C-alpha atoms as a PDB file:
ATOM      1  CA  MET A   1       8.456  16.622  20.517  1.00  0.00           C
ATOM      2  CA  ASN A   2       6.434  19.777  19.917  1.00  0.00           C
ATOM      3  CA  ALA A   3       3.235  18.650  18.234  1.00  0.00           C
ATOM      4  CA  GLY A   4       1.402  21.867  17.529  1.00  0.00           C
ATOM      5  CA  GLY A   5       1.530  23.095  21.107  1.00  0.00           C
ATOM      6  CA  LYS A   6       1.334  19.616  22.616  1.00  0.00           C
ATOM      7  CA  TYR A   7       4.619  18.405  24.022  1.00  0.00           C
ATOM      8  CA  GLY A   8       5.623  14.842  24.669  1.00  0.00           C
ATOM      9  CA  THR A   9       7.377  11.784  23.396  1.00  0.00           C
ATOM     10  CA  ALA A  10       5.747   9.899  20.561  1.00  0.00           C
ATOM     11  CA  ASP A  11       5.353   6.308  21.702  1.00  0.00           C
ATOM     12  CA  PHE A  12       4.735   3.194  19.620  1.00  0.00           C
ATOM     13  CA  LYS A  13       4.471  -0.548  19.928  1.00  0.00           C
ATOM     14  CA  TRP A  14       5.588  -2.493  16.922  1.00  0.00           C
ATOM     15  CA  TYR A  15       6.509  -5.979  15.942  1.00  0.00           C
ATOM     16  CA  GLN A  16       7.956  -7.566  12.853  1.00  0.00           C
ATOM     17  CA  LEU A  17       5.771 -10.050  11.038  1.00  0.00           C
ATOM     18  CA  PRO A  18       7.522 -13.421  10.976  1.00  0.00           C
ATOM     19  CA  ALA A  19       9.927 -14.044   8.110  1.00  0.00           C
ATOM     20  CA  SER A  20       8.449 -17.550   7.878  1.00  0.00           C
ATOM     21  CA  VAL A  21       5.172 -15.930   6.766  1.00  0.00           C
ATOM     22  CA  ILE A  22       6.407 -12.802   4.976  1.00  0.00           C
ATOM     23  CA  THR A  23       9.271 -13.850   2.707  1.00  0.00           C
ATOM     24  CA  GLU A  24       8.881 -10.968   0.236  1.00  0.00           C
ATOM     25  CA  GLY A  25      10.489  -8.320   2.449  1.00  0.00           C
ATOM     26  CA  PHE A  26      10.411  -6.654   5.845  1.00  0.00           C
ATOM     27  CA  ALA A  27       6.895  -6.095   7.214  1.00  0.00           C
ATOM     28  CA  CYS A  28       5.777  -4.873  10.610  1.00  0.00           C
ATOM     29  CA  VAL A  29       2.682  -3.770  12.504  1.00  0.00           C
ATOM     30  CA  VAL A  30       2.744  -0.472  14.388  1.00  0.00           C
ATOM     31  CA  GLN A  31       0.392   0.702  17.122  1.00  0.00           C
ATOM     32  CA  HIS A  32       0.518   4.420  17.892  1.00  0.00           C
ATOM     33  CA  LEU A  33       0.240   4.850  21.663  1.00  0.00           C
ATOM     34  CA  THR A  34       0.260   8.647  21.490  1.00  0.00           C
ATOM     35  CA  PRO A  35      -1.955   9.437  18.483  1.00  0.00           C
ATOM     36  CA  GLU A  36      -2.452  12.984  19.730  1.00  0.00           C
ATOM     37  CA  LEU A  37       1.238  13.613  18.986  1.00  0.00           C
ATOM     38  CA  VAL A  38       1.368  11.711  15.715  1.00  0.00           C
ATOM     39  CA  PHE A  39      -1.878  12.308  13.836  1.00  0.00           C
ATOM     40  CA  LEU A  40      -1.896  16.092  13.741  1.00  0.00           C
ATOM     41  CA  GLU A  41      -4.206  17.794  11.276  1.00  0.00           C
ATOM     42  CA  LYS A  42      -1.413  19.968   9.862  1.00  0.00           C
ATOM     43  CA  MET A  43       0.743  16.875   9.290  1.00  0.00           C
ATOM     44  CA  MET A  44      -2.086  14.849   7.760  1.00  0.00           C
ATOM     45  CA  ASN A  45      -2.735  17.163   4.807  1.00  0.00           C
ATOM     46  CA  HIS A  46      -0.380  16.100   2.039  1.00  0.00           C
ATOM     47  CA  PRO A  47      -0.850  17.958  -1.262  1.00  0.00           C
ATOM     48  CA  ASN A  48      -1.605  14.648  -3.028  1.00  0.00           C
ATOM     49  CA  GLY A  49      -4.587  14.102  -0.721  1.00  0.00           C
ATOM     50  CA  ALA A  50      -3.205  10.938   0.894  1.00  0.00           C
ATOM     51  CA  ILE A  51      -5.337   9.653   3.745  1.00  0.00           C
ATOM     52  CA  ASP A  52      -3.755   6.300   4.540  1.00  0.00           C
ATOM     53  CA  LEU A  53      -1.784   3.327   3.319  1.00  0.00           C
ATOM     54  CA  VAL A  54      -4.302   0.633   2.452  1.00  0.00           C
ATOM     55  CA  GLY A  55      -2.206  -2.166   1.059  1.00  0.00           C
ATOM     56  CA  VAL A  56       0.916  -3.637  -0.446  1.00  0.00           C
ATOM     57  CA  GLY A  57       1.415  -5.906  -3.427  1.00  0.00           C
ATOM     58  CA  ALA A  58       3.640  -8.967  -3.230  1.00  0.00           C
ATOM     59  CA  VAL A  59       4.936 -10.615  -6.400  1.00  0.00           C
ATOM     60  CA  VAL A  60       5.489 -14.297  -5.675  1.00  0.00           C
ATOM     61  CA  PRO A  61       6.650 -17.342  -7.636  1.00  0.00           C
ATOM     62  CA  ASP A  62       3.815 -19.561  -6.314  1.00  0.00           C
ATOM     63  CA  LEU A  63       0.391 -18.042  -5.569  1.00  0.00           C
ATOM     64  CA  GLU A  64      -1.014 -20.928  -3.563  1.00  0.00           C
ATOM     65  CA  GLU A  65       2.089 -21.349  -1.399  1.00  0.00           C
ATOM     66  CA  ALA A  66       2.171 -17.612  -0.622  1.00  0.00           C
ATOM     67  CA  PHE A  67      -1.574 -17.509  -0.004  1.00  0.00           C
ATOM     68  CA  ALA A  68      -1.239 -20.370   2.489  1.00  0.00           C
ATOM     69  CA  ARG A  69       1.586 -18.556   4.325  1.00  0.00           C
ATOM     70  CA  TYR A  70      -0.282 -15.264   4.581  1.00  0.00           C
ATOM     71  CA  GLN A  71      -3.489 -16.828   5.830  1.00  0.00           C
ATOM     72  CA  ARG A  72      -1.603 -17.826   9.005  1.00  0.00           C
ATOM     73  CA  LEU A  73      -1.592 -14.169  10.085  1.00  0.00           C
ATOM     74  CA  PRO A  74      -4.186 -13.414  12.782  1.00  0.00           C
ATOM     75  CA  GLY A  75      -7.384 -11.894  11.432  1.00  0.00           C
ATOM     76  CA  ALA A  76      -6.569 -12.660   7.796  1.00  0.00           C
ATOM     77  CA  GLU A  77      -9.495 -13.088   5.437  1.00  0.00           C
ATOM     78  CA  ARG A  78      -8.646 -14.789   2.138  1.00  0.00           C
ATOM     79  CA  LYS A  79     -10.133 -13.567  -1.133  1.00  0.00           C
ATOM     80  CA  SER A  80      -9.392 -14.534  -4.709  1.00  0.00           C
ATOM     81  CA  PHE A  81      -9.597 -12.444  -7.850  1.00  0.00           C
ATOM     82  CA  ILE A  82      -8.807 -13.190 -11.457  1.00  0.00           C
ATOM     83  CA  MET A  83      -5.116 -12.212 -11.325  1.00  0.00           C
ATOM     84  CA  GLY A  84      -4.197 -13.260  -7.817  1.00  0.00           C
ATOM     85  CA  ARG A  85      -5.237 -13.424  -4.205  1.00  0.00           C
ATOM     86  CA  SER A  86      -5.737 -10.888  -1.460  1.00  0.00           C
ATOM     87  CA  ILE A  87      -5.346 -11.202   2.255  1.00  0.00           C
ATOM     88  CA  VAL A  88      -7.643  -8.687   3.927  1.00  0.00           C
ATOM     89  CA  PHE A  89      -7.213  -7.410   7.458  1.00  0.00           C
ATOM     90  CA  LYS A  90      -9.277  -4.791   9.274  1.00  0.00           C
ATOM     91  CA  ASP A  91      -7.858  -1.745   7.451  1.00  0.00           C
ATOM     92  CA  GLN A  92      -5.147  -3.238   5.247  1.00  0.00           C
ATOM     93  CA  ARG A  93      -4.682  -5.780   2.527  1.00  0.00           C
ATOM     94  CA  ILE A  94      -1.850  -7.684   0.937  1.00  0.00           C
ATOM     95  CA  ILE A  95      -2.320  -8.447  -2.739  1.00  0.00           C
ATOM     96  CA  VAL A  96      -0.492 -11.613  -3.787  1.00  0.00           C
ATOM     97  CA  ILE A  97       0.176 -11.942  -7.527  1.00  0.00           C
ATOM     98  CA  ASP A  98       2.614 -13.729  -9.765  1.00  0.00           C
ATOM     99  CA  ALA A  99       4.700 -11.989 -12.435  1.00  0.00           C
ATOM    100  CA  LYS A 100       1.994 -12.546 -15.067  1.00  0.00           C
ATOM    101  CA  GLY A 101      -0.609 -10.920 -12.796  1.00  0.00           C
ATOM    102  CA  PHE A 102       1.722  -7.988 -12.102  1.00  0.00           C
ATOM    103  CA  ARG A 103       2.204  -7.382 -15.817  1.00  0.00           C
ATOM    104  CA  ALA A 104      -1.568  -7.564 -16.364  1.00  0.00           C
ATOM    105  CA  LEU A 105      -2.280  -5.037 -13.592  1.00  0.00           C
ATOM    106  CA  PHE A 106       0.616  -2.704 -14.443  1.00  0.00           C
ATOM    107  CA  PRO A 107       1.383  -3.335 -18.145  1.00  0.00           C
ATOM    108  CA  ASP A 108       4.081  -0.687 -18.583  1.00  0.00           C
ATOM    109  CA  ALA A 109       5.897  -1.268 -15.279  1.00  0.00           C
ATOM    110  CA  HIS A 110       9.032  -3.365 -14.842  1.00  0.00           C
ATOM    111  CA  CYS A 111       8.208  -6.523 -12.889  1.00  0.00           C
ATOM    112  CA  PRO A 112      10.941  -7.242 -10.352  1.00  0.00           C
ATOM    113  CA  GLU A 113      12.171 -10.759  -9.713  1.00  0.00           C
ATOM    114  CA  PRO A 114       9.926 -12.501  -7.152  1.00  0.00           C
ATOM    115  CA  PRO A 115       9.618 -12.791  -4.260  1.00  0.00           C
ATOM    116  CA  CYS A 116       9.308  -9.093  -3.454  1.00  0.00           C
ATOM    117  CA  PHE A 117       6.969  -6.297  -2.487  1.00  0.00           C
ATOM    118  CA  ALA A 118       6.390  -4.450  -5.765  1.00  0.00           C
ATOM    119  CA  SER A 119       3.492  -2.045  -5.160  1.00  0.00           C
ATOM    120  CA  TYR A 120       1.659  -0.118  -2.492  1.00  0.00           C
ATOM    121  CA  SER A 121      -1.751   1.530  -2.416  1.00  0.00           C
ATOM    122  CA  ILE A 122      -2.634   4.865  -0.875  1.00  0.00           C
ATOM    123  CA  ARG A 123      -6.188   6.069  -0.313  1.00  0.00           C
ATOM    124  CA  VAL A 124      -6.714   9.736  -1.233  1.00  0.00           C
ATOM    125  CA  LYS A 125      -9.430  12.283  -0.483  1.00  0.00           C
ATOM    126  CA  ASP A 126     -10.121  13.116  -4.130  1.00  0.00           C
ATOM    127  CA  ILE A 127      -8.608  11.141  -7.006  1.00  0.00           C
ATOM    128  CA  ALA A 128      -9.251  14.008  -9.459  1.00  0.00           C
ATOM    129  CA  ALA A 129      -7.211  16.368  -7.264  1.00  0.00           C
ATOM    130  CA  THR A 130      -4.411  13.784  -7.039  1.00  0.00           C
ATOM    131  CA  ARG A 131      -4.388  13.424 -10.835  1.00  0.00           C
ATOM    132  CA  ALA A 132      -4.248  17.205 -11.226  1.00  0.00           C
ATOM    133  CA  LEU A 133      -1.344  17.526  -8.768  1.00  0.00           C
ATOM    134  CA  LEU A 134       0.686  14.807 -10.483  1.00  0.00           C
ATOM    135  CA  ALA A 135       0.026  16.319 -13.923  1.00  0.00           C
ATOM    136  CA  LYS A 136       0.936  19.814 -12.698  1.00  0.00           C
ATOM    137  CA  ASN A 137       4.238  18.479 -11.364  1.00  0.00           C
ATOM    138  CA  GLY A 138       5.047  16.469 -14.485  1.00  0.00           C
ATOM    139  CA  VAL A 139       4.713  13.061 -12.830  1.00  0.00           C
ATOM    140  CA  PRO A 140       3.407  10.586 -15.411  1.00  0.00           C
ATOM    141  CA  PHE A 141       0.642   8.262 -14.293  1.00  0.00           C
ATOM    142  CA  HIS A 142      -1.718   5.649 -15.683  1.00  0.00           C
ATOM    143  CA  VAL A 143      -5.488   5.804 -15.184  1.00  0.00           C
ATOM    144  CA  TRP A 144      -6.700   2.691 -13.386  1.00  0.00           C
ATOM    145  CA  GLY A 145     -10.481   2.612 -13.735  1.00  0.00           C
ATOM    146  CA  ALA A 146     -12.693   5.415 -12.459  1.00  0.00           C
ATOM    147  CA  ASP A 147     -11.301   5.355  -8.923  1.00  0.00           C
ATOM    148  CA  GLY A 148      -7.554   4.945  -9.299  1.00  0.00           C
ATOM    149  CA  ILE A 149      -4.263   5.833 -10.906  1.00  0.00           C
ATOM    150  CA  TRP A 150      -0.811   4.319 -10.674  1.00  0.00           C
ATOM    151  CA  VAL A 151       2.693   5.705 -10.966  1.00  0.00           C
ATOM    152  CA  GLN A 152       5.710   3.893 -12.438  1.00  0.00           C
ATOM    153  CA  PRO A 153       8.309   2.576  -9.950  1.00  0.00           C
ATOM    154  CA  GLU A 154      10.987   4.999 -11.176  1.00  0.00           C
ATOM    155  CA  TYR A 155       8.798   7.896  -9.964  1.00  0.00           C
ATOM    156  CA  ALA A 156       7.723   6.203  -6.727  1.00  0.00           C
ATOM    157  CA  CYS A 157      10.789   5.027  -4.790  1.00  0.00           C
ATOM    158  CA  GLY A 158      11.145   1.760  -6.724  1.00  0.00           C
ATOM    159  CA  ALA A 159       7.646   0.267  -6.428  1.00  0.00           C
ATOM    160  CA  VAL A 160       4.385   0.919  -8.258  1.00  0.00           C
ATOM    161  CA  MET A 161       2.435   3.526  -6.289  1.00  0.00           C
ATOM    162  CA  VAL A 162      -1.328   3.160  -6.606  1.00  0.00           C
ATOM    163  CA  PHE A 163      -3.645   5.979  -5.562  1.00  0.00           C
ATOM    164  CA  VAL A 164      -7.294   5.068  -4.964  1.00  0.00           C
ATOM    165  CA  ASP A 165     -10.223   7.336  -4.245  1.00  0.00           C
ATOM    166  CA  HIS A 166     -11.493   7.351  -0.670  1.00  0.00           C
ATOM    167  CA  ASP A 167     -14.745   5.707  -1.815  1.00  0.00           C
ATOM    168  CA  ALA A 168     -13.099   2.997  -3.929  1.00  0.00           C
ATOM    169  CA  PRO A 169     -14.102  -0.526  -2.891  1.00  0.00           C
ATOM    170  CA  ILE A 170     -10.595  -1.888  -2.477  1.00  0.00           C
END
């Protein structure tokens, strides 16, 4: 691999999270062993301002059962909010909601049949710049408070794509 003048083989460790815990879809954890070949400045500047993936949303038939499964993951911190639950890790979170919660959070989006992963959240450098880019390119979006926007699944590879400002307390 030629990584901007640095040559080498990108190396990773990864493991799949157990299907007994994550029943909504495939999930894995990746550790980058050669970040100098992977996290290049020129590759990290997407026009939408994306900085990192900060979470996924799971639609489940039973909140408490799912919450109990997810809390078995190492380092998981449980939190509740009015429409669901969240499992918080160091830099990531899994939002666990039922179909009613999904429809409340994303009122115009189609709610897929649970169990499934139905949304993902991306932190951006500047939410105003992300809004402007989407508008310029004709991608419809919904304003989600002062710090976020979301895009319908049909414009985002089949799941709701949430963009949140880098300072948003997610």
